[in-house]
PDB file of N, CA and C in Angstrom:
ATOM      1  N   MET A   1      82.495 111.505  94.062  1.00  0.00           N
ATOM      2  CA  MET A   1      83.864 111.092  94.277  1.00  0.00           C
ATOM      3  C   MET A   1      84.101 109.662  93.795  1.00  0.00           C
ATOM      4  N   ASN A   2      83.049 108.924  93.496  1.00  0.00           N
ATOM      5  CA  ASN A   2      83.136 107.564  92.976  1.00  0.00           C
ATOM      6  C   ASN A   2      83.883 106.627  93.931  1.00  0.00           C
ATOM      7  N   LEU A   3      83.566 106.727  95.229  1.00  0.00           N
ATOM      8  CA  LEU A   3      84.174 105.857  96.226  1.00  0.00           C
ATOM      9  C   LEU A   3      83.193 104.775  96.626  1.00  0.00           C
ATOM     10  N   ARG A   4      83.727 103.672  97.078  1.00  0.00           N
ATOM     11  CA  ARG A   4      82.854 102.601  97.566  1.00  0.00           C
ATOM     12  C   ARG A   4      83.202 102.273  99.004  1.00  0.00           C
ATOM     13  N   GLN A   5      82.187 101.906  99.759  1.00  0.00           N
ATOM     14  CA  GLN A   5      82.338 101.555 101.165  1.00  0.00           C
ATOM     15  C   GLN A   5      82.751 100.084 101.246  1.00  0.00           C
ATOM     16  N   LEU A   6      83.860  99.807 101.938  1.00  0.00           N
ATOM     17  CA  LEU A   6      84.355  98.438 102.027  1.00  0.00           C
ATOM     18  C   LEU A   6      83.802  97.688 103.236  1.00  0.00           C
ATOM     19  N   VAL A   7      83.490  98.397 104.306  1.00  0.00           N
ATOM     20  CA  VAL A   7      82.956  97.766 105.511  1.00  0.00           C
ATOM     21  C   VAL A   7      81.442  97.777 105.422  1.00  0.00           C
ATOM     22  N   THR A   8      80.828  96.602 105.497  1.00  0.00           N
ATOM     23  CA  THR A   8      79.370  96.528 105.354  1.00  0.00           C
ATOM     24  C   THR A   8      78.675  96.020 106.618  1.00  0.00           C
ATOM     25  N   LYS A   9      79.445  95.508 107.571  1.00  0.00           N
ATOM     26  CA  LYS A   9      78.856  94.992 108.806  1.00  0.00           C
ATOM     27  C   LYS A   9      78.949  96.050 109.898  1.00  0.00           C
ATOM     28  N   PRO A  10      78.124  95.989 110.928  1.00  0.00           N
ATOM     29  CA  PRO A  10      78.177  96.974 112.024  1.00  0.00           C
ATOM     30  C   PRO A  10      79.523  96.925 112.754  1.00  0.00           C
ATOM     31  N   THR A  11      80.003  98.086 113.157  1.00  0.00           N
ATOM     32  CA  THR A  11      81.285  98.169 113.876  1.00  0.00           C
ATOM     33  C   THR A  11      81.101  98.523 115.349  1.00  0.00           C
ATOM     34  N   ARG A  12      79.890  98.851 115.756  1.00  0.00           N
ATOM     35  CA  ARG A  12      79.603  99.093 117.178  1.00  0.00           C
ATOM     36  C   ARG A  12      78.342  98.318 117.529  1.00  0.00           C
ATOM     37  N   ILE A  13      78.525  97.364 118.424  1.00  0.00           N
ATOM     38  CA  ILE A  13      77.400  96.504 118.794  1.00  0.00           C
ATOM     39  C   ILE A  13      77.160  96.622 120.292  1.00  0.00           C
ATOM     40  N   THR A  14      75.962  97.029 120.653  1.00  0.00           N
ATOM     41  CA  THR A  14      75.553  97.068 122.060  1.00  0.00           C
ATOM     42  C   THR A  14      74.385  96.098 122.221  1.00  0.00           C
ATOM     43  N   THR A  15      73.852  96.020 123.416  1.00  0.00           N
ATOM     44  CA  THR A  15      72.718  95.119 123.648  1.00  0.00           C
ATOM     45  C   THR A  15      71.466  95.574 122.902  1.00  0.00           C
ATOM     46  N   ASN A  16      71.360  96.873 122.638  1.00  0.00           N
ATOM     47  CA  ASN A  16      70.150  97.406 122.006  1.00  0.00           C
ATOM     48  C   ASN A  16      70.319  97.764 120.527  1.00  0.00           C
ATOM     49  N   THR A  17      71.546  98.123 120.133  1.00  0.00           N
ATOM     50  CA  THR A  17      71.728  98.638 118.768  1.00  0.00           C
ATOM     51  C   THR A  17      72.962  98.041 118.100  1.00  0.00           C
ATOM     52  N   GLU A  18      72.956  98.130 116.797  1.00  0.00           N
ATOM     53  CA  GLU A  18      74.112  97.815 115.971  1.00  0.00           C
ATOM     54  C   GLU A  18      74.274  98.963 114.979  1.00  0.00           C
ATOM     55  N   SER A  19      75.474  99.551 114.952  1.00  0.00           N
ATOM     56  CA  SER A  19      75.702 100.716 114.098  1.00  0.00           C
ATOM     57  C   SER A  19      76.986 100.538 113.294  1.00  0.00           C
ATOM     58  N   LEU A  20      76.952 101.072 112.103  1.00  0.00           N
ATOM     59  CA  LEU A  20      78.144 101.100 111.264  1.00  0.00           C
ATOM     60  C   LEU A  20      78.781 102.479 111.427  1.00  0.00           C
ATOM     61  N   LEU A  21      79.773 102.577 112.319  1.00  0.00           N
ATOM     62  CA  LEU A  21      80.397 103.865 112.618  1.00  0.00           C
ATOM     63  C   LEU A  21      81.685 104.081 111.831  1.00  0.00           C
ATOM     64  N   ASP A  22      82.476 103.042 111.685  1.00  0.00           N
ATOM     65  CA  ASP A  22      83.773 103.174 111.017  1.00  0.00           C
ATOM     66  C   ASP A  22      83.638 102.779 109.558  1.00  0.00           C
ATOM     67  N   VAL A  23      84.228 103.576 108.721  1.00  0.00           N
ATOM     68  CA  VAL A  23      84.134 103.314 107.292  1.00  0.00           C
ATOM     69  C   VAL A  23      85.531 103.252 106.680  1.00  0.00           C
ATOM     70  N   ILE A  24      85.635 102.508 105.625  1.00  0.00           N
ATOM     71  CA  ILE A  24      86.826 102.515 104.781  1.00  0.00           C
ATOM     72  C   ILE A  24      86.327 102.779 103.375  1.00  0.00           C
ATOM     73  N   LEU A  25      86.713 103.906 102.829  1.00  0.00           N
ATOM     74  CA  LEU A  25      86.293 104.287 101.488  1.00  0.00           C
ATOM     75  C   LEU A  25      87.463 104.101 100.533  1.00  0.00           C
ATOM     76  N   ALA A  26      87.190 103.532  99.379  1.00  0.00           N
ATOM     77  CA  ALA A  26      88.238 103.315  98.384  1.00  0.00           C
ATOM     78  C   ALA A  26      87.661 103.514  96.999  1.00  0.00           C
ATOM     79  N   SER A  27      88.513 103.920  96.088  1.00  0.00           N
ATOM     80  CA  SER A  27      88.072 104.038  94.699  1.00  0.00           C
ATOM     81  C   SER A  27      87.962 102.641  94.103  1.00  0.00           C
ATOM     82  N   PRO A  28      87.134 102.464  93.110  1.00  0.00           N
ATOM     83  CA  PRO A  28      86.924 101.125  92.538  1.00  0.00           C
ATOM     84  C   PRO A  28      88.188 100.482  91.977  1.00  0.00           C
ATOM     85  N   ASN A  29      89.134 101.269  91.502  1.00  0.00           N
ATOM     86  CA  ASN A  29      90.353 100.711  90.933  1.00  0.00           C
ATOM     87  C   ASN A  29      91.525 100.725  91.921  1.00  0.00           C
ATOM     88  N   SER A  30      91.235 100.768  93.205  1.00  0.00           N
ATOM     89  CA  SER A  30      92.297 100.801  94.219  1.00  0.00           C
ATOM     90  C   SER A  30      92.916  99.422  94.385  1.00  0.00           C
ATOM     91  N   SER A  31      93.972  99.356  95.146  1.00  0.00           N
ATOM     92  CA  SER A  31      94.711  98.102  95.326  1.00  0.00           C
ATOM     93  C   SER A  31      94.332  97.415  96.636  1.00  0.00           C
ATOM     94  N   VAL A  32      93.042  97.361  96.939  1.00  0.00           N
ATOM     95  CA  VAL A  32      92.564  96.717  98.160  1.00  0.00           C
ATOM     96  C   VAL A  32      92.463  95.218  97.921  1.00  0.00           C
ATOM     97  N   GLN A  33      93.127  94.462  98.761  1.00  0.00           N
ATOM     98  CA  GLN A  33      93.092  93.008  98.653  1.00  0.00           C
ATOM     99  C   GLN A  33      91.972  92.425  99.510  1.00  0.00           C
ATOM    100  N   ASP A  34      91.835  92.942 100.729  1.00  0.00           N
ATOM    101  CA  ASP A  34      90.847  92.401 101.657  1.00  0.00           C
ATOM    102  C   ASP A  34      90.502  93.483 102.670  1.00  0.00           C
ATOM    103  N   SER A  35      89.315  93.430 103.204  1.00  0.00           N
ATOM    104  CA  SER A  35      88.913  94.366 104.255  1.00  0.00           C
ATOM    105  C   SER A  35      87.831  93.704 105.091  1.00  0.00           C
ATOM    106  N   GLY A  36      87.621  94.241 106.270  1.00  0.00           N
ATOM    107  CA  GLY A  36      86.588  93.688 107.131  1.00  0.00           C
ATOM    108  C   GLY A  36      86.698  94.198 108.550  1.00  0.00           C
ATOM    109  N   ILE A  37      86.102  93.441 109.479  1.00  0.00           N
ATOM    110  CA  ILE A  37      86.130  93.803 110.887  1.00  0.00           C
ATOM    111  C   ILE A  37      86.649  92.617 111.692  1.00  0.00           C
ATOM    112  N   ILE A  38      87.215  92.932 112.852  1.00  0.00           N
ATOM    113  CA  ILE A  38      87.701  91.910 113.773  1.00  0.00           C
ATOM    114  C   ILE A  38      86.940  92.081 115.075  1.00  0.00           C
ATOM    115  N   ASN A  39      86.305  91.015 115.527  1.00  0.00           N
ATOM    116  CA  ASN A  39      85.524  91.079 116.752  1.00  0.00           C
ATOM    117  C   ASN A  39      86.432  90.802 117.949  1.00  0.00           C
ATOM    118  N   ARG A  40      86.596  91.798 118.803  1.00  0.00           N
ATOM    119  CA  ARG A  40      87.349  91.667 120.045  1.00  0.00           C
ATOM    120  C   ARG A  40      86.395  91.915 121.199  1.00  0.00           C
ATOM    121  N   PRO A  41      86.285  90.981 122.136  1.00  0.00           N
ATOM    122  CA  PRO A  41      85.299  91.122 123.218  1.00  0.00           C
ATOM    123  C   PRO A  41      85.667  92.180 124.257  1.00  0.00           C
ATOM    124  N   ILE A  42      86.763  92.857 124.118  1.00  0.00           N
ATOM    125  CA  ILE A  42      87.179  93.871 125.084  1.00  0.00           C
ATOM    126  C   ILE A  42      86.239  95.072 125.057  1.00  0.00           C
ATOM    127  N   SER A  43      85.747  95.402 123.882  1.00  0.00           N
ATOM    128  CA  SER A  43      84.948  96.607 123.728  1.00  0.00           C
ATOM    129  C   SER A  43      83.717  96.310 122.881  1.00  0.00           C
ATOM    130  N   ASP A  44      82.779  97.252 122.889  1.00  0.00           N
ATOM    131  CA  ASP A  44      81.623  97.118 122.014  1.00  0.00           C
ATOM    132  C   ASP A  44      81.924  97.682 120.622  1.00  0.00           C
ATOM    133  N   HIS A  45      83.118  98.187 120.472  1.00  0.00           N
ATOM    134  CA  HIS A  45      83.549  98.775 119.206  1.00  0.00           C
ATOM    135  C   HIS A  45      84.486  97.791 118.507  1.00  0.00           C
ATOM    136  N   LEU A  46      84.183  97.395 117.278  1.00  0.00           N
ATOM    137  CA  LEU A  46      84.965  96.398 116.556  1.00  0.00           C
ATOM    138  C   LEU A  46      86.092  97.053 115.763  1.00  0.00           C
ATOM    139  N   VAL A  47      87.161  96.308 115.551  1.00  0.00           N
ATOM    140  CA  VAL A  47      88.324  96.811 114.829  1.00  0.00           C
ATOM    141  C   VAL A  47      88.086  96.669 113.329  1.00  0.00           C
ATOM    142  N   VAL A  48      88.415  97.721 112.586  1.00  0.00           N
ATOM    143  CA  VAL A  48      88.276  97.731 111.136  1.00  0.00           C
ATOM    144  C   VAL A  48      89.663  97.556 110.533  1.00  0.00           C
ATOM    145  N   PHE A  49      89.786  96.724 109.476  1.00  0.00           N
ATOM    146  CA  PHE A  49      91.095  96.537 108.847  1.00  0.00           C
ATOM    147  C   PHE A  49      90.962  96.532 107.335  1.00  0.00           C
ATOM    148  N   VAL A  50      92.083  96.770 106.681  1.00  0.00           N
ATOM    149  CA  VAL A  50      92.177  96.691 105.228  1.00  0.00           C
ATOM    150  C   VAL A  50      93.575  96.187 104.873  1.00  0.00           C
ATOM    151  N   ASN A  51      93.642  95.255 103.930  1.00  0.00           N
ATOM    152  CA  ASN A  51      94.921  94.767 103.393  1.00  0.00           C
ATOM    153  C   ASN A  51      95.077  95.310 101.987  1.00  0.00           C
ATOM    154  N   LEU A  52      96.210  95.923 101.731  1.00  0.00           N
ATOM    155  CA  LEU A  52      96.471  96.507 100.422  1.00  0.00           C
ATOM    156  C   LEU A  52      97.461  95.661  99.634  1.00  0.00           C
ATOM    157  N   LYS A  53      97.274  95.608  98.340  1.00  0.00           N
ATOM    158  CA  LYS A  53      98.247  94.985  97.446  1.00  0.00           C
ATOM    159  C   LYS A  53      99.255  96.066  97.083  1.00  0.00           C
ATOM    160  N   VAL A  54     100.382  96.055  97.756  1.00  0.00           N
ATOM    161  CA  VAL A  54     101.382  97.088  97.557  1.00  0.00           C
ATOM    162  C   VAL A  54     102.610  96.473  96.906  1.00  0.00           C
ATOM    163  N   LYS A  55     103.086  97.105  95.856  1.00  0.00           N
ATOM    164  CA  LYS A  55     104.290  96.644  95.190  1.00  0.00           C
ATOM    165  C   LYS A  55     105.504  97.222  95.916  1.00  0.00           C
ATOM    166  N   PRO A  56     106.593  96.459  95.980  1.00  0.00           N
ATOM    167  CA  PRO A  56     107.793  97.014  96.603  1.00  0.00           C
ATOM    168  C   PRO A  56     108.341  98.164  95.752  1.00  0.00           C
ATOM    169  N   PRO A  57     108.941  99.154  96.387  1.00  0.00           N
ATOM    170  CA  PRO A  57     109.460 100.288  95.620  1.00  0.00           C
ATOM    171  C   PRO A  57     110.588  99.845  94.688  1.00  0.00           C
ATOM    172  N   LYS A  58     110.650 100.485  93.541  1.00  0.00           N
ATOM    173  CA  LYS A  58     111.714 100.178  92.590  1.00  0.00           C
ATOM    174  C   LYS A  58     113.022 100.765  93.101  1.00  0.00           C
ATOM    175  N   THR A  59     114.054  99.973  93.000  1.00  0.00           N
ATOM    176  CA  THR A  59     115.364 100.466  93.419  1.00  0.00           C
ATOM    177  C   THR A  59     115.970 101.289  92.294  1.00  0.00           C
ATOM    178  N   THR A  60     116.611 102.351  92.670  1.00  0.00           N
ATOM    179  CA  THR A  60     117.266 103.195  91.682  1.00  0.00           C
ATOM    180  C   THR A  60     118.674 102.673  91.438  1.00  0.00           C
ATOM    181  N   LEU A  61     119.126 102.831  90.223  1.00  0.00           N
ATOM    182  CA  LEU A  61     120.468 102.392  89.882  1.00  0.00           C
ATOM    183  C   LEU A  61     121.487 103.306  90.541  1.00  0.00           C
ATOM    184  N   GLN A  62     122.528 102.712  91.023  1.00  0.00           N
ATOM    185  CA  GLN A  62     123.590 103.485  91.654  1.00  0.00           C
ATOM    186  C   GLN A  62     124.873 103.210  90.892  1.00  0.00           C
ATOM    187  N   TYR A  63     125.451 104.253  90.346  1.00  0.00           N
ATOM    188  CA  TYR A  63     126.675 104.124  89.578  1.00  0.00           C
ATOM    189  C   TYR A  63     127.866 104.398  90.475  1.00  0.00           C
ATOM    190  N   ILE A  64     128.841 103.527  90.408  1.00  0.00           N
ATOM    191  CA  ILE A  64     130.040 103.664  91.218  1.00  0.00           C
ATOM    192  C   ILE A  64     131.219 103.875  90.282  1.00  0.00           C
ATOM    193  N   ASN A  65     131.969 104.931  90.545  1.00  0.00           N
ATOM    194  CA  ASN A  65     133.174 105.203  89.765  1.00  0.00           C
ATOM    195  C   ASN A  65     134.387 104.778  90.573  1.00  0.00           C
ATOM    196  N   PRO A  66     134.963 103.635  90.250  1.00  0.00           N
ATOM    197  CA  PRO A  66     136.125 103.182  91.023  1.00  0.00           C
ATOM    198  C   PRO A  66     137.364 103.985  90.679  1.00  0.00           C
ATOM    199  N   ARG A  67     138.223 104.120  91.632  1.00  0.00           N
ATOM    200  CA  ARG A  67     139.513 104.769  91.406  1.00  0.00           C
ATOM    201  C   ARG A  67     140.593 103.691  91.443  1.00  0.00           C
ATOM    202  N   ILE A  68     141.452 103.723  90.457  1.00  0.00           N
ATOM    203  CA  ILE A  68     142.528 102.743  90.363  1.00  0.00           C
ATOM    204  C   ILE A  68     143.814 103.421  90.806  1.00  0.00           C
ATOM    205  N   TYR A  69     144.440 102.857  91.808  1.00  0.00           N
ATOM    206  CA  TYR A  69     145.639 103.459  92.391  1.00  0.00           C
ATOM    207  C   TYR A  69     146.925 102.808  91.866  1.00  0.00           C
ATOM    208  N   ARG A  70     146.827 102.135  90.734  1.00  0.00           N
ATOM    209  CA  ARG A  70     147.985 101.455  90.173  1.00  0.00           C
ATOM    210  C   ARG A  70     149.103 102.445  89.826  1.00  0.00           C
ATOM    211  N   ASN A  71     148.742 103.605  89.282  1.00  0.00           N
ATOM    212  CA  ASN A  71     149.727 104.598  88.861  1.00  0.00           C
ATOM    213  C   ASN A  71     149.864 105.737  89.855  1.00  0.00           C
ATOM    214  N   TYR A  72     149.490 105.506  91.101  1.00  0.00           N
ATOM    215  CA  TYR A  72     149.534 106.555  92.119  1.00  0.00           C
ATOM    216  C   TYR A  72     150.965 106.885  92.494  1.00  0.00           C
ATOM    217  N   SER A  73     151.226 108.153  92.592  1.00  0.00           N
ATOM    218  CA  SER A  73     152.531 108.628  93.034  1.00  0.00           C
ATOM    219  C   SER A  73     152.297 109.715  94.072  1.00  0.00           C
ATOM    220  N   ALA A  74     152.784 109.503  95.263  1.00  0.00           N
ATOM    221  CA  ALA A  74     152.586 110.476  96.342  1.00  0.00           C
ATOM    222  C   ALA A  74     153.251 111.802  96.008  1.00  0.00           C
ATOM    223  N   GLU A  75     154.403 111.770  95.347  1.00  0.00           N
ATOM    224  CA  GLU A  75     155.103 113.011  94.996  1.00  0.00           C
ATOM    225  C   GLU A  75     154.309 113.841  93.995  1.00  0.00           C
ATOM    226  N   VAL A  76     153.741 113.176  92.986  1.00  0.00           N
ATOM    227  CA  VAL A  76     152.939 113.887  91.989  1.00  0.00           C
ATOM    228  C   VAL A  76     151.678 114.452  92.632  1.00  0.00           C
ATOM    229  N   PHE A  77     151.059 113.676  93.506  1.00  0.00           N
ATOM    230  CA  PHE A  77     149.863 114.135  94.201  1.00  0.00           C
ATOM    231  C   PHE A  77     150.170 115.375  95.047  1.00  0.00           C
ATOM    232  N   THR A  78     151.241 115.331  95.791  1.00  0.00           N
ATOM    233  CA  THR A  78     151.628 116.462  96.640  1.00  0.00           C
ATOM    234  C   THR A  78     151.940 117.686  95.795  1.00  0.00           C
ATOM    235  N   ARG A  79     152.642 117.490  94.675  1.00  0.00           N
ATOM    236  CA  ARG A  79     152.992 118.612  93.806  1.00  0.00           C
ATOM    237  C   ARG A  79     151.739 119.244  93.204  1.00  0.00           C
ATOM    238  N   ASP A  80     150.795 118.423  92.743  1.00  0.00           N
ATOM    239  CA  ASP A  80     149.574 118.969  92.153  1.00  0.00           C
ATOM    240  C   ASP A  80     148.728 119.719  93.187  1.00  0.00           C
ATOM    241  N   LEU A  81     148.673 119.206  94.400  1.00  0.00           N
ATOM    242  CA  LEU A  81     147.942 119.930  95.453  1.00  0.00           C
ATOM    243  C   LEU A  81     148.634 121.235  95.805  1.00  0.00           C
ATOM    244  N   ALA A  82     149.957 121.229  95.816  1.00  0.00           N
ATOM    245  CA  ALA A  82     150.705 122.452  96.118  1.00  0.00           C
ATOM    246  C   ALA A  82     150.453 123.505  95.044  1.00  0.00           C
ATOM    247  N   ASN A  83     150.333 123.076  93.784  1.00  0.00           N
ATOM    248  CA  ASN A  83     150.060 124.028  92.699  1.00  0.00           C
ATOM    249  C   ASN A  83     148.684 124.670  92.855  1.00  0.00           C
ATOM    250  N   GLU A  84     147.748 123.961  93.460  1.00  0.00           N
ATOM    251  CA  GLU A  84     146.391 124.471  93.645  1.00  0.00           C
ATOM    252  C   GLU A  84     146.160 125.005  95.065  1.00  0.00           C
ATOM    253  N   ALA A  85     147.207 125.196  95.852  1.00  0.00           N
ATOM    254  CA  ALA A  85     147.075 125.581  97.261  1.00  0.00           C
ATOM    255  C   ALA A  85     146.319 126.891  97.425  1.00  0.00           C
ATOM    256  N   ASP A  86     146.516 127.845  96.523  1.00  0.00           N
ATOM    257  CA  ASP A  86     145.828 129.137  96.642  1.00  0.00           C
ATOM    258  C   ASP A  86     144.310 128.969  96.517  1.00  0.00           C
ATOM    259  N   SER A  87     143.876 128.010  95.727  1.00  0.00           N
ATOM    260  CA  SER A  87     142.443 127.783  95.548  1.00  0.00           C
ATOM    261  C   SER A  87     141.808 127.224  96.816  1.00  0.00           C
ATOM    262  N   PHE A  88     142.589 126.507  97.618  1.00  0.00           N
ATOM    263  CA  PHE A  88     142.057 125.931  98.853  1.00  0.00           C
ATOM    264  C   PHE A  88     141.921 126.950  99.973  1.00  0.00           C
ATOM    265  N   LEU A  89     142.458 128.139  99.781  1.00  0.00           N
ATOM    266  CA  LEU A  89     142.353 129.178 100.803  1.00  0.00           C
ATOM    267  C   LEU A  89     141.033 129.947 100.720  1.00  0.00           C
ATOM    268  N   SER A  90     140.254 129.706  99.710  1.00  0.00           N
ATOM    269  CA  SER A  90     138.964 130.373  99.542  1.00  0.00           C
ATOM    270  C   SER A  90     138.012 129.961 100.671  1.00  0.00           C
ATOM    271  N   PRO A  91     137.191 130.887 101.187  1.00  0.00           N
ATOM    272  CA  PRO A  91     136.254 130.519 102.249  1.00  0.00           C
ATOM    273  C   PRO A  91     135.070 129.688 101.739  1.00  0.00           C
ATOM    274  N   ASP A  92     134.883 129.621 100.424  1.00  0.00           N
ATOM    275  CA  ASP A  92     133.754 128.891  99.852  1.00  0.00           C
ATOM    276  C   ASP A  92     134.090 127.402  99.759  1.00  0.00           C
ATOM    277  N   VAL A  93     133.337 126.590 100.468  1.00  0.00           N
ATOM    278  CA  VAL A  93     133.580 125.141 100.513  1.00  0.00           C
ATOM    279  C   VAL A  93     133.348 124.511  99.150  1.00  0.00           C
ATOM    280  N   ASN A  94     132.337 124.968  98.428  1.00  0.00           N
ATOM    281  CA  ASN A  94     132.036 124.382  97.121  1.00  0.00           C
ATOM    282  C   ASN A  94     133.163 124.588  96.125  1.00  0.00           C
ATOM    283  N   SER A  95     133.793 125.759  96.153  1.00  0.00           N
ATOM    284  CA  SER A  95     134.906 125.994  95.230  1.00  0.00           C
ATOM    285  C   SER A  95     136.110 125.134  95.611  1.00  0.00           C
ATOM    286  N   LYS A  96     136.308 124.879  96.909  1.00  0.00           N
ATOM    287  CA  LYS A  96     137.387 123.987  97.343  1.00  0.00           C
ATOM    288  C   LYS A  96     137.138 122.570  96.842  1.00  0.00           C
ATOM    289  N   LEU A  97     135.905 122.115  96.942  1.00  0.00           N
ATOM    290  CA  LEU A  97     135.574 120.776  96.473  1.00  0.00           C
ATOM    291  C   LEU A  97     135.733 120.669  94.963  1.00  0.00           C
ATOM    292  N   ASP A  98     135.317 121.697  94.235  1.00  0.00           N
ATOM    293  CA  ASP A  98     135.490 121.694  92.780  1.00  0.00           C
ATOM    294  C   ASP A  98     136.967 121.636  92.405  1.00  0.00           C
ATOM    295  N   THR A  99     137.794 122.366  93.116  1.00  0.00           N
ATOM    296  CA  THR A  99     139.235 122.344  92.847  1.00  0.00           C
ATOM    297  C   THR A  99     139.809 120.964  93.114  1.00  0.00           C
ATOM    298  N   LEU A 100     139.427 120.360  94.225  1.00  0.00           N
ATOM    299  CA  LEU A 100     139.927 119.029  94.558  1.00  0.00           C
ATOM    300  C   LEU A 100     139.470 118.006  93.519  1.00  0.00           C
ATOM    301  N   ASN A 101     138.221 118.081  93.078  1.00  0.00           N
ATOM    302  CA  ASN A 101     137.728 117.164  92.050  1.00  0.00           C
ATOM    303  C   ASN A 101     138.418 117.377  90.711  1.00  0.00           C
ATOM    304  N   ASP A 102     138.832 118.608  90.427  1.00  0.00           N
ATOM    305  CA  ASP A 102     139.560 118.877  89.187  1.00  0.00           C
ATOM    306  C   ASP A 102     140.963 118.299  89.242  1.00  0.00           C
ATOM    307  N   VAL A 103     141.585 118.293  90.406  1.00  0.00           N
ATOM    308  CA  VAL A 103     142.957 117.804  90.557  1.00  0.00           C
ATOM    309  C   VAL A 103     142.995 116.279  90.618  1.00  0.00           C
ATOM    310  N   LEU A 104     142.071 115.651  91.330  1.00  0.00           N
ATOM    311  CA  LEU A 104     142.119 114.200  91.536  1.00  0.00           C
ATOM    312  C   LEU A 104     141.986 113.353  90.280  1.00  0.00           C
ATOM    313  N   PRO A 105     141.072 113.636  89.354  1.00  0.00           N
ATOM    314  CA  PRO A 105     140.979 112.756  88.183  1.00  0.00           C
ATOM    315  C   PRO A 105     142.251 112.712  87.347  1.00  0.00           C
ATOM    316  N   VAL A 106     143.024 113.791  87.367  1.00  0.00           N
ATOM    317  CA  VAL A 106     144.275 113.816  86.609  1.00  0.00           C
ATOM    318  C   VAL A 106     145.271 112.847  87.217  1.00  0.00           C
ATOM    319  N   LEU A 107     145.220 112.690  88.518  1.00  0.00           N
ATOM    320  CA  LEU A 107     146.199 111.861  89.206  1.00  0.00           C
ATOM    321  C   LEU A 107     145.912 110.378  89.060  1.00  0.00           C
ATOM    322  N   PHE A 108     144.669 110.009  88.943  1.00  0.00           N
ATOM    323  CA  PHE A 108     144.314 108.588  88.978  1.00  0.00           C
ATOM    324  C   PHE A 108     143.842 108.135  87.643  1.00  0.00           C
TER     325      PHE A 108
END
């Protein structure tokens, strides 16, 4: 598998023994910045940690289509919706949305 062990010191220390129980395995070309153990006197078992070099996720472009209401006319809007009223009676929501999207760009 071509992995390497990052923790090399014992992770469980008792009065009689020292054992390496916890392992962190990583590929040689991984993005590991630092690794090791933290000694906490609460237990005979030491904490294992690893710090990764992680790049922030790339943001995706978001395109916004603004609508300009400079030439808006409520009467024209109402008339165009009335002409398409039969299409809005369909039980299919997607066809209603398609009809509305077809009518709106003409108005604005």
